[in-house]
PDB file of all heavy atoms in Angstrom:
ATOM      1  N   PRO A   1     103.350  48.082  88.163  1.00  0.00           N
ATOM      2  CA  PRO A   1     102.152  48.795  87.847  1.00  0.00           C
ATOM      3  C   PRO A   1     100.881  47.937  87.779  1.00  0.00           C
ATOM      4  O   PRO A   1      99.718  48.311  88.058  1.00  0.00           O
ATOM      5  CB  PRO A   1     102.423  49.405  86.451  1.00  0.00           C
ATOM      6  CG  PRO A   1     103.875  49.520  86.373  1.00  0.00           C
ATOM      7  CD  PRO A   1     104.428  48.333  87.137  1.00  0.00           C
ATOM      8  N   GLU A   2     101.040  46.594  87.328  1.00  0.00           N
ATOM      9  CA  GLU A   2      99.971  45.702  87.359  1.00  0.00           C
ATOM     10  C   GLU A   2      99.405  45.486  88.806  1.00  0.00           C
ATOM     11  O   GLU A   2      98.172  45.484  89.069  1.00  0.00           O
ATOM     12  CB  GLU A   2     100.461  44.309  86.789  1.00  0.00           C
ATOM     13  CG  GLU A   2      99.322  43.403  86.759  1.00  0.00           C
ATOM     14  CD  GLU A   2      99.984  41.928  86.206  1.00  0.00           C
ATOM     15  OE1 GLU A   2     101.096  41.992  85.822  1.00  0.00           O
ATOM     16  OE2 GLU A   2      99.223  40.991  86.289  1.00  0.00           O
ATOM     17  N   LEU A   3     100.351  45.238  89.782  1.00  0.00           N
ATOM     18  CA  LEU A   3      99.884  45.083  91.179  1.00  0.00           C
ATOM     19  C   LEU A   3      99.280  46.371  91.678  1.00  0.00           C
ATOM     20  O   LEU A   3      98.279  46.329  92.427  1.00  0.00           O
ATOM     21  CB  LEU A   3     101.025  44.624  92.111  1.00  0.00           C
ATOM     22  CG  LEU A   3     100.688  44.448  93.510  1.00  0.00           C
ATOM     23  CD1 LEU A   3      99.692  43.300  93.718  1.00  0.00           C
ATOM     24  CD2 LEU A   3     102.059  44.014  94.292  1.00  0.00           C
ATOM     25  N   GLU A   4      99.863  47.489  91.437  1.00  0.00           N
ATOM     26  CA  GLU A   4      99.429  48.605  91.834  1.00  0.00           C
ATOM     27  C   GLU A   4      97.919  48.817  91.389  1.00  0.00           C
ATOM     28  O   GLU A   4      97.001  49.240  92.042  1.00  0.00           O
ATOM     29  CB  GLU A   4     100.277  49.895  91.276  1.00  0.00           C
ATOM     30  CG  GLU A   4      99.832  51.330  91.849  1.00  0.00           C
ATOM     31  CD  GLU A   4     100.914  52.301  91.520  1.00  0.00           C
ATOM     32  OE1 GLU A   4     101.453  52.186  90.412  1.00  0.00           O
ATOM     33  OE2 GLU A   4     101.129  53.181  92.305  1.00  0.00           O
ATOM     34  N   LYS A   5      97.737  48.664  90.023  1.00  0.00           N
ATOM     35  CA  LYS A   5      96.333  48.794  89.424  1.00  0.00           C
ATOM     36  C   LYS A   5      95.396  47.864  90.141  1.00  0.00           C
ATOM     37  O   LYS A   5      94.231  48.162  90.392  1.00  0.00           O
ATOM     38  CB  LYS A   5      96.399  48.455  87.989  1.00  0.00           C
ATOM     39  CG  LYS A   5      95.065  48.715  87.297  1.00  0.00           C
ATOM     40  CD  LYS A   5      95.270  48.578  85.717  1.00  0.00           C
ATOM     41  CE  LYS A   5      93.886  48.679  85.021  1.00  0.00           C
ATOM     42  NZ  LYS A   5      93.906  48.394  83.729  1.00  0.00           N
ATOM     43  N   PHE A   6      95.846  46.646  90.393  1.00  0.00           N
ATOM     44  CA  PHE A   6      95.002  45.534  91.041  1.00  0.00           C
ATOM     45  C   PHE A   6      94.570  45.947  92.389  1.00  0.00           C
ATOM     46  O   PHE A   6      93.358  45.940  92.718  1.00  0.00           O
ATOM     47  CB  PHE A   6      95.742  44.236  91.040  1.00  0.00           C
ATOM     48  CG  PHE A   6      94.903  43.194  91.843  1.00  0.00           C
ATOM     49  CD1 PHE A   6      93.958  42.431  91.284  1.00  0.00           C
ATOM     50  CD2 PHE A   6      95.230  43.018  93.076  1.00  0.00           C
ATOM     51  CE1 PHE A   6      93.255  41.606  91.949  1.00  0.00           C
ATOM     52  CE2 PHE A   6      94.394  42.034  93.862  1.00  0.00           C
ATOM     53  CZ  PHE A   6      93.425  41.409  93.324  1.00  0.00           C
ATOM     54  N   LEU A   7      95.588  46.428  93.231  1.00  0.00           N
ATOM     55  CA  LEU A   7      95.216  46.818  94.558  1.00  0.00           C
ATOM     56  C   LEU A   7      94.332  48.079  94.606  1.00  0.00           C
ATOM     57  O   LEU A   7      93.504  48.268  95.421  1.00  0.00           O
ATOM     58  CB  LEU A   7      96.467  47.024  95.402  1.00  0.00           C
ATOM     59  CG  LEU A   7      97.314  45.864  95.670  1.00  0.00           C
ATOM     60  CD1 LEU A   7      98.633  46.096  96.275  1.00  0.00           C
ATOM     61  CD2 LEU A   7      96.484  44.801  96.633  1.00  0.00           C
ATOM     62  N   GLY A   8      94.558  48.992  93.718  1.00  0.00           N
ATOM     63  CA  GLY A   8      93.789  50.107  93.650  1.00  0.00           C
ATOM     64  C   GLY A   8      92.265  49.911  93.307  1.00  0.00           C
ATOM     65  O   GLY A   8      91.463  50.653  93.741  1.00  0.00           O
ATOM     66  N   GLY A   9      92.116  48.922  92.569  1.00  0.00           N
ATOM     67  CA  GLY A   9      90.692  48.628  92.030  1.00  0.00           C
ATOM     68  C   GLY A   9      89.948  47.535  92.737  1.00  0.00           C
ATOM     69  O   GLY A   9      88.857  47.273  92.561  1.00  0.00           O
ATOM     70  N   ASN A  10      90.670  46.979  93.853  1.00  0.00           N
ATOM     71  CA  ASN A  10      90.005  45.785  94.488  1.00  0.00           C
ATOM     72  C   ASN A  10      89.932  46.007  96.016  1.00  0.00           C
ATOM     73  O   ASN A  10      89.786  45.048  96.785  1.00  0.00           O
ATOM     74  CB  ASN A  10      90.695  44.523  94.207  1.00  0.00           C
ATOM     75  CG  ASN A  10      90.490  44.098  92.712  1.00  0.00           C
ATOM     76  OD1 ASN A  10      89.405  43.563  92.444  1.00  0.00           O
ATOM     77  ND2 ASN A  10      91.437  44.271  91.953  1.00  0.00           N
ATOM     78  N   THR A  11      90.144  47.179  96.541  1.00  0.00           N
ATOM     79  CA  THR A  11      90.189  47.261  97.910  1.00  0.00           C
ATOM     80  C   THR A  11      88.992  48.101  98.571  1.00  0.00           C
ATOM     81  O   THR A  11      88.901  48.206  99.717  1.00  0.00           O
ATOM     82  CB  THR A  11      91.408  48.056  98.429  1.00  0.00           C
ATOM     83  OG1 THR A  11      91.491  49.460  97.819  1.00  0.00           O
ATOM     84  CG2 THR A  11      92.658  47.337  98.075  1.00  0.00           C
ATOM     85  N   ASP A  12      87.860  48.322  97.806  1.00  0.00           N
ATOM     86  CA  ASP A  12      86.719  48.900  98.357  1.00  0.00           C
ATOM     87  C   ASP A  12      86.061  47.876  99.286  1.00  0.00           C
ATOM     88  O   ASP A  12      85.860  46.823  98.890  1.00  0.00           O
ATOM     89  CB  ASP A  12      85.747  49.185  97.344  1.00  0.00           C
ATOM     90  CG  ASP A  12      86.156  50.474  96.484  1.00  0.00           C
ATOM     91  OD1 ASP A  12      87.066  51.337  96.927  1.00  0.00           O
ATOM     92  OD2 ASP A  12      85.673  50.631  95.268  1.00  0.00           O
ATOM     93  N   GLY A  13      85.761  48.348 100.586  1.00  0.00           N
ATOM     94  CA  GLY A  13      85.113  47.449 101.567  1.00  0.00           C
ATOM     95  C   GLY A  13      86.007  46.536 102.107  1.00  0.00           C
ATOM     96  O   GLY A  13      85.756  45.694 102.932  1.00  0.00           O
ATOM     97  N   ILE A  14      87.427  46.627 101.815  1.00  0.00           N
ATOM     98  CA  ILE A  14      88.360  45.733 102.407  1.00  0.00           C
ATOM     99  C   ILE A  14      89.029  46.418 103.623  1.00  0.00           C
ATOM    100  O   ILE A  14      89.435  47.607 103.561  1.00  0.00           O
ATOM    101  CB  ILE A  14      89.445  45.476 101.351  1.00  0.00           C
ATOM    102  CG1 ILE A  14      88.884  44.728 100.129  1.00  0.00           C
ATOM    103  CG2 ILE A  14      90.627  44.564 101.995  1.00  0.00           C
ATOM    104  CD1 ILE A  14      88.343  43.365 100.492  1.00  0.00           C
ATOM    105  N   THR A  15      89.165  45.711 104.745  1.00  0.00           N
ATOM    106  CA  THR A  15      89.759  46.221 105.876  1.00  0.00           C
ATOM    107  C   THR A  15      91.027  45.520 106.052  1.00  0.00           C
ATOM    108  O   THR A  15      91.984  46.146 106.863  1.00  0.00           O
ATOM    109  CB  THR A  15      88.968  46.107 107.138  1.00  0.00           C
ATOM    110  OG1 THR A  15      88.638  44.633 107.258  1.00  0.00           O
ATOM    111  CG2 THR A  15      87.726  46.842 107.029  1.00  0.00           C
ATOM    112  N   ASP A  16      91.304  44.447 105.514  1.00  0.00           N
ATOM    113  CA  ASP A  16      92.606  43.641 105.821  1.00  0.00           C
ATOM    114  C   ASP A  16      93.158  43.068 104.434  1.00  0.00           C
ATOM    115  O   ASP A  16      92.333  42.411 103.745  1.00  0.00           O
ATOM    116  CB  ASP A  16      92.613  42.635 106.760  1.00  0.00           C
ATOM    117  CG  ASP A  16      92.109  43.042 108.205  1.00  0.00           C
ATOM    118  OD1 ASP A  16      92.947  43.829 108.707  1.00  0.00           O
ATOM    119  OD2 ASP A  16      90.979  42.790 108.691  1.00  0.00           O
ATOM    120  N   ILE A  17      94.368  43.323 104.116  1.00  0.00           N
ATOM    121  CA  ILE A  17      94.984  42.763 103.007  1.00  0.00           C
ATOM    122  C   ILE A  17      96.183  41.852 103.382  1.00  0.00           C
ATOM    123  O   ILE A  17      97.034  42.246 104.196  1.00  0.00           O
ATOM    124  CB  ILE A  17      95.557  43.845 102.086  1.00  0.00           C
ATOM    125  CG1 ILE A  17      94.373  44.776 101.524  1.00  0.00           C
ATOM    126  CG2 ILE A  17      96.336  43.260 100.877  1.00  0.00           C
ATOM    127  CD1 ILE A  17      94.997  45.922 100.730  1.00  0.00           C
ATOM    128  N   VAL A  18      96.226  40.595 102.965  1.00  0.00           N
ATOM    129  CA  VAL A  18      97.267  39.714 103.186  1.00  0.00           C
ATOM    130  C   VAL A  18      97.904  39.361 101.751  1.00  0.00           C
ATOM    131  O   VAL A  18      97.112  39.091 100.831  1.00  0.00           O
ATOM    132  CB  VAL A  18      96.741  38.414 103.748  1.00  0.00           C
ATOM    133  CG1 VAL A  18      97.917  37.393 103.893  1.00  0.00           C
ATOM    134  CG2 VAL A  18      96.116  38.715 105.161  1.00  0.00           C
ATOM    135  N   ILE A  19      99.134  39.648 101.646  1.00  0.00           N
ATOM    136  CA  ILE A  19      99.788  39.407 100.317  1.00  0.00           C
ATOM    137  C   ILE A  19     100.699  38.235 100.668  1.00  0.00           C
ATOM    138  O   ILE A  19     101.707  38.218 101.417  1.00  0.00           O
ATOM    139  CB  ILE A  19     100.659  40.523  99.853  1.00  0.00           C
ATOM    140  CG1 ILE A  19      99.745  41.813  99.752  1.00  0.00           C
ATOM    141  CG2 ILE A  19     101.403  40.255  98.491  1.00  0.00           C
ATOM    142  CD1 ILE A  19     100.317  42.963  99.061  1.00  0.00           C
ATOM    143  N   ASP A  20     100.360  37.033  99.934  1.00  0.00           N
ATOM    144  CA  ASP A  20     101.057  35.785 100.062  1.00  0.00           C
ATOM    145  C   ASP A  20     102.177  35.828  99.003  1.00  0.00           C
ATOM    146  O   ASP A  20     101.909  35.900  97.782  1.00  0.00           O
ATOM    147  CB  ASP A  20     100.195  34.650  99.896  1.00  0.00           C
ATOM    148  CG  ASP A  20     100.828  33.322 100.184  1.00  0.00           C
ATOM    149  OD1 ASP A  20     102.072  33.173 100.098  1.00  0.00           O
ATOM    150  OD2 ASP A  20     100.032  32.364 100.609  1.00  0.00           O
ATOM    151  N   MET A  21     103.414  35.570  99.416  1.00  0.00           N
ATOM    152  CA  MET A  21     104.566  35.820  98.574  1.00  0.00           C
ATOM    153  C   MET A  21     105.330  34.484  98.504  1.00  0.00           C
ATOM    154  O   MET A  21     106.517  34.476  98.174  1.00  0.00           O
ATOM    155  CB  MET A  21     105.572  36.974  99.135  1.00  0.00           C
ATOM    156  CG  MET A  21     105.009  38.294  99.231  1.00  0.00           C
ATOM    157  SD  MET A  21     106.196  39.480  99.660  1.00  0.00           S
ATOM    158  CE  MET A  21     105.423  40.932  98.970  1.00  0.00           C
ATOM    159  N   THR A  22     104.579  33.434  98.620  1.00  0.00           N
ATOM    160  CA  THR A  22     105.209  32.016  98.601  1.00  0.00           C
ATOM    161  C   THR A  22     105.928  31.801  97.258  1.00  0.00           C
ATOM    162  O   THR A  22     107.044  31.301  97.298  1.00  0.00           O
ATOM    163  CB  THR A  22     104.116  30.970  98.669  1.00  0.00           C
ATOM    164  OG1 THR A  22     103.394  31.158  99.897  1.00  0.00           O
ATOM    165  CG2 THR A  22     104.654  29.516  98.609  1.00  0.00           C
ATOM    166  N   LYS A  23     105.378  32.394  96.226  1.00  0.00           N
ATOM    167  CA  LYS A  23     105.998  32.135  94.873  1.00  0.00           C
ATOM    168  C   LYS A  23     106.679  33.309  94.289  1.00  0.00           C
ATOM    169  O   LYS A  23     106.927  33.460  93.130  1.00  0.00           O
ATOM    170  CB  LYS A  23     104.884  31.554  93.905  1.00  0.00           C
ATOM    171  CG  LYS A  23     104.484  30.116  94.414  1.00  0.00           C
ATOM    172  CD  LYS A  23     103.445  29.611  93.472  1.00  0.00           C
ATOM    173  CE  LYS A  23     102.980  28.158  93.920  1.00  0.00           C
ATOM    174  NZ  LYS A  23     102.084  27.584  93.006  1.00  0.00           N
ATOM    175  N   LEU A  24     106.823  34.399  95.177  1.00  0.00           N
ATOM    176  CA  LEU A  24     107.479  35.566  94.637  1.00  0.00           C
ATOM    177  C   LEU A  24     109.095  35.295  94.602  1.00  0.00           C
ATOM    178  O   LEU A  24     109.594  34.974  95.704  1.00  0.00           O
ATOM    179  CB  LEU A  24     107.225  36.847  95.562  1.00  0.00           C
ATOM    180  CG  LEU A  24     107.832  38.102  95.069  1.00  0.00           C
ATOM    181  CD1 LEU A  24     107.182  38.535  93.657  1.00  0.00           C
ATOM    182  CD2 LEU A  24     107.698  39.207  96.095  1.00  0.00           C
ATOM    183  N   GLU A  25     109.692  35.489  93.622  1.00  0.00           N
ATOM    184  CA  GLU A  25     111.165  35.202  93.443  1.00  0.00           C
ATOM    185  C   GLU A  25     111.962  36.414  93.575  1.00  0.00           C
ATOM    186  O   GLU A  25     113.243  36.318  93.942  1.00  0.00           O
ATOM    187  CB  GLU A  25     111.322  34.626  91.930  1.00  0.00           C
ATOM    188  CG  GLU A  25     110.501  33.364  91.692  1.00  0.00           C
ATOM    189  CD  GLU A  25     110.420  33.146  90.233  1.00  0.00           C
ATOM    190  OE1 GLU A  25     111.084  33.786  89.348  1.00  0.00           O
ATOM    191  OE2 GLU A  25     109.828  32.117  89.875  1.00  0.00           O
ATOM    192  N   TYR A  26     111.544  37.596  93.333  1.00  0.00           N
ATOM    193  CA  TYR A  26     112.339  38.857  93.288  1.00  0.00           C
ATOM    194  C   TYR A  26     111.390  40.002  93.497  1.00  0.00           C
ATOM    195  O   TYR A  26     110.306  40.078  93.049  1.00  0.00           O
ATOM    196  CB  TYR A  26     112.958  39.000  91.877  1.00  0.00           C
ATOM    197  CG  TYR A  26     113.739  40.216  91.630  1.00  0.00           C
ATOM    198  CD1 TYR A  26     115.048  40.402  92.100  1.00  0.00           C
ATOM    199  CD2 TYR A  26     113.205  41.196  90.907  1.00  0.00           C
ATOM    200  CE1 TYR A  26     115.684  41.597  91.889  1.00  0.00           C
ATOM    201  CE2 TYR A  26     113.717  42.461  90.673  1.00  0.00           C
ATOM    202  CZ  TYR A  26     115.113  42.617  91.203  1.00  0.00           C
ATOM    203  OH  TYR A  26     115.693  43.742  90.963  1.00  0.00           O
ATOM    204  N   ILE A  27     112.068  41.110  94.228  1.00  0.00           N
ATOM    205  CA  ILE A  27     111.252  42.298  94.237  1.00  0.00           C
ATOM    206  C   ILE A  27     112.259  43.520  93.983  1.00  0.00           C
ATOM    207  O   ILE A  27     113.404  43.371  94.501  1.00  0.00           O
ATOM    208  CB  ILE A  27     110.550  42.402  95.641  1.00  0.00           C
ATOM    209  CG1 ILE A  27     109.707  43.694  95.746  1.00  0.00           C
ATOM    210  CG2 ILE A  27     111.666  42.420  96.826  1.00  0.00           C
ATOM    211  CD1 ILE A  27     108.758  43.786  96.855  1.00  0.00           C
ATOM    212  N   SER A  28     111.907  44.513  93.336  1.00  0.00           N
ATOM    213  CA  SER A  28     112.729  45.633  92.979  1.00  0.00           C
ATOM    214  C   SER A  28     112.195  46.903  93.760  1.00  0.00           C
ATOM    215  O   SER A  28     111.197  46.761  94.532  1.00  0.00           O
ATOM    216  CB  SER A  28     112.754  46.020  91.472  1.00  0.00           C
ATOM    217  OG  SER A  28     111.567  46.465  91.179  1.00  0.00           O
ATOM    218  N   SER A  29     112.789  47.968  93.632  1.00  0.00           N
ATOM    219  CA  SER A  29     112.415  49.189  94.226  1.00  0.00           C
ATOM    220  C   SER A  29     111.029  49.602  93.834  1.00  0.00           C
ATOM    221  O   SER A  29     110.332  50.209  94.651  1.00  0.00           O
ATOM    222  CB  SER A  29     113.422  50.332  94.072  1.00  0.00           C
ATOM    223  OG  SER A  29     113.582  50.565  92.630  1.00  0.00           O
ATOM    224  N   ALA A  30     110.747  49.191  92.587  1.00  0.00           N
ATOM    225  CA  ALA A  30     109.411  49.651  92.090  1.00  0.00           C
ATOM    226  C   ALA A  30     108.264  48.794  92.856  1.00  0.00           C
ATOM    227  O   ALA A  30     107.195  49.278  93.158  1.00  0.00           O
ATOM    228  CB  ALA A  30     109.209  49.288  90.559  1.00  0.00           C
ATOM    229  N   GLY A  31     108.615  47.538  93.113  1.00  0.00           N
ATOM    230  CA  GLY A  31     107.685  46.704  93.987  1.00  0.00           C
ATOM    231  C   GLY A  31     107.614  47.157  95.245  1.00  0.00           C
ATOM    232  O   GLY A  31     106.576  47.274  95.856  1.00  0.00           O
ATOM    233  N   LEU A  32     108.677  47.623  95.926  1.00  0.00           N
ATOM    234  CA  LEU A  32     108.710  48.235  97.264  1.00  0.00           C
ATOM    235  C   LEU A  32     107.853  49.360  97.339  1.00  0.00           C
ATOM    236  O   LEU A  32     107.029  49.566  98.290  1.00  0.00           O
ATOM    237  CB  LEU A  32     110.069  48.503  97.705  1.00  0.00           C
ATOM    238  CG  LEU A  32     111.105  47.361  97.842  1.00  0.00           C
ATOM    239  CD1 LEU A  32     112.455  47.901  98.243  1.00  0.00           C
ATOM    240  CD2 LEU A  32     110.572  46.421  99.004  1.00  0.00           C
ATOM    241  N   ARG A  33     107.833  50.208  96.283  1.00  0.00           N
ATOM    242  CA  ARG A  33     107.041  51.497  96.323  1.00  0.00           C
ATOM    243  C   ARG A  33     105.626  51.052  96.297  1.00  0.00           C
ATOM    244  O   ARG A  33     104.796  51.712  96.960  1.00  0.00           O
ATOM    245  CB  ARG A  33     107.359  52.291  95.083  1.00  0.00           C
ATOM    246  CG  ARG A  33     106.553  53.555  94.973  1.00  0.00           C
ATOM    247  CD  ARG A  33     106.761  54.309  93.687  1.00  0.00           C
ATOM    248  NE  ARG A  33     106.374  53.436  92.552  1.00  0.00           N
ATOM    249  CZ  ARG A  33     105.170  53.328  92.116  1.00  0.00           C
ATOM    250  NH1 ARG A  33     104.143  53.818  92.769  1.00  0.00           N
ATOM    251  NH2 ARG A  33     104.893  52.600  91.111  1.00  0.00           N
ATOM    252  N   VAL A  34     105.068  50.045  95.470  1.00  0.00           N
ATOM    253  CA  VAL A  34     103.752  49.672  95.448  1.00  0.00           C
ATOM    254  C   VAL A  34     103.229  49.175  96.922  1.00  0.00           C
ATOM    255  O   VAL A  34     102.202  49.493  97.290  1.00  0.00           O
ATOM    256  CB  VAL A  34     103.489  48.598  94.318  1.00  0.00           C
ATOM    257  CG1 VAL A  34     102.161  48.032  94.462  1.00  0.00           C
ATOM    258  CG2 VAL A  34     103.819  49.243  92.952  1.00  0.00           C
ATOM    259  N   LEU A  35     104.103  48.379  97.507  1.00  0.00           N
ATOM    260  CA  LEU A  35     103.777  47.829  98.904  1.00  0.00           C
ATOM    261  C   LEU A  35     103.547  48.977  99.878  1.00  0.00           C
ATOM    262  O   LEU A  35     102.678  48.946 100.647  1.00  0.00           O
ATOM    263  CB  LEU A  35     104.832  46.833  99.264  1.00  0.00           C
ATOM    264  CG  LEU A  35     104.895  45.564  98.479  1.00  0.00           C
ATOM    265  CD1 LEU A  35     105.979  44.608  98.952  1.00  0.00           C
ATOM    266  CD2 LEU A  35     103.474  44.788  98.427  1.00  0.00           C
ATOM    267  N   LEU A  36     104.483  49.893  99.783  1.00  0.00           N
ATOM    268  CA  LEU A  36     104.447  51.019 100.694  1.00  0.00           C
ATOM    269  C   LEU A  36     103.128  51.866 100.486  1.00  0.00           C
ATOM    270  O   LEU A  36     102.559  52.297 101.484  1.00  0.00           O
ATOM    271  CB  LEU A  36     105.789  51.964 100.474  1.00  0.00           C
ATOM    272  CG  LEU A  36     105.991  53.060 101.561  1.00  0.00           C
ATOM    273  CD1 LEU A  36     106.019  52.369 102.929  1.00  0.00           C
ATOM    274  CD2 LEU A  36     107.187  53.765 101.342  1.00  0.00           C
ATOM    275  N   ALA A  37     102.884  52.169  99.249  1.00  0.00           N
ATOM    276  CA  ALA A  37     101.687  52.921  98.899  1.00  0.00           C
ATOM    277  C   ALA A  37     100.342  52.086  99.364  1.00  0.00           C
ATOM    278  O   ALA A  37      99.496  52.668 100.075  1.00  0.00           O
ATOM    279  CB  ALA A  37     101.515  53.257  97.483  1.00  0.00           C
ATOM    280  N   ALA A  38     100.309  50.808  99.237  1.00  0.00           N
ATOM    281  CA  ALA A  38      99.309  49.969  99.670  1.00  0.00           C
ATOM    282  C   ALA A  38      99.081  50.036 101.184  1.00  0.00           C
ATOM    283  O   ALA A  38      98.056  50.175 101.770  1.00  0.00           O
ATOM    284  CB  ALA A  38      99.360  48.568  99.138  1.00  0.00           C
ATOM    285  N   HIS A  39     100.326  49.893 101.892  1.00  0.00           N
ATOM    286  CA  HIS A  39     100.370  49.981 103.310  1.00  0.00           C
ATOM    287  C   HIS A  39      99.733  51.347 103.809  1.00  0.00           C
ATOM    288  O   HIS A  39      99.032  51.392 104.788  1.00  0.00           O
ATOM    289  CB  HIS A  39     101.683  49.880 103.853  1.00  0.00           C
ATOM    290  CG  HIS A  39     101.925  50.099 105.290  1.00  0.00           C
ATOM    291  ND1 HIS A  39     101.368  49.381 106.172  1.00  0.00           N
ATOM    292  CD2 HIS A  39     102.493  51.160 105.861  1.00  0.00           C
ATOM    293  CE1 HIS A  39     101.734  49.900 107.489  1.00  0.00           C
ATOM    294  NE2 HIS A  39     102.475  51.040 107.251  1.00  0.00           N
ATOM    295  N   LYS A  40     100.267  52.402 103.211  1.00  0.00           N
ATOM    296  CA  LYS A  40      99.712  53.739 103.429  1.00  0.00           C
ATOM    297  C   LYS A  40      98.248  53.893 103.384  1.00  0.00           C
ATOM    298  O   LYS A  40      97.627  54.416 104.260  1.00  0.00           O
ATOM    299  CB  LYS A  40     100.571  54.746 102.666  1.00  0.00           C
ATOM    300  CG  LYS A  40     100.581  56.062 103.235  1.00  0.00           C
ATOM    301  CD  LYS A  40     101.548  56.954 102.397  1.00  0.00           C
ATOM    302  CE  LYS A  40     101.801  58.296 103.024  1.00  0.00           C
ATOM    303  NZ  LYS A  40     102.731  59.111 102.291  1.00  0.00           N
ATOM    304  N   LYS A  41      97.849  53.364 102.309  1.00  0.00           N
ATOM    305  CA  LYS A  41      96.299  53.539 101.965  1.00  0.00           C
ATOM    306  C   LYS A  41      95.511  52.700 102.994  1.00  0.00           C
ATOM    307  O   LYS A  41      94.572  53.149 103.532  1.00  0.00           O
ATOM    308  CB  LYS A  41      96.018  53.134 100.552  1.00  0.00           C
ATOM    309  CG  LYS A  41      94.572  53.168 100.180  1.00  0.00           C
ATOM    310  CD  LYS A  41      94.355  52.778  98.756  1.00  0.00           C
ATOM    311  CE  LYS A  41      92.765  52.911  98.439  1.00  0.00           C
ATOM    312  NZ  LYS A  41      92.581  52.315  97.064  1.00  0.00           N
ATOM    313  N   ILE A  42      95.840  51.435 103.135  1.00  0.00           N
ATOM    314  CA  ILE A  42      95.010  50.458 103.943  1.00  0.00           C
ATOM    315  C   ILE A  42      95.135  50.886 105.524  1.00  0.00           C
ATOM    316  O   ILE A  42      94.212  50.558 106.298  1.00  0.00           O
ATOM    317  CB  ILE A  42      95.304  49.066 103.746  1.00  0.00           C
ATOM    318  CG1 ILE A  42      94.147  48.140 104.326  1.00  0.00           C
ATOM    319  CG2 ILE A  42      96.527  48.645 104.207  1.00  0.00           C
ATOM    320  CD1 ILE A  42      92.771  48.197 103.432  1.00  0.00           C
ATOM    321  N   SER A  43      96.325  51.433 105.816  1.00  0.00           N
ATOM    322  CA  SER A  43      96.403  51.730 107.262  1.00  0.00           C
ATOM    323  C   SER A  43      95.464  52.694 107.857  1.00  0.00           C
ATOM    324  O   SER A  43      95.360  52.726 109.109  1.00  0.00           O
ATOM    325  CB  SER A  43      97.994  52.033 107.594  1.00  0.00           C
ATOM    326  OG  SER A  43      98.184  53.368 107.030  1.00  0.00           O
TER     327      SER A  43
END
């Protein structure tokens, strides 16, 4: 929910989003859902 809120409030005027996962250790289905929603919105 933190990432979802962040992406929802910071994409005005943005045409490209790069998410750097260098230090991401784990992702669950909840994280996958947020990425899919962000992809759908920005696409």
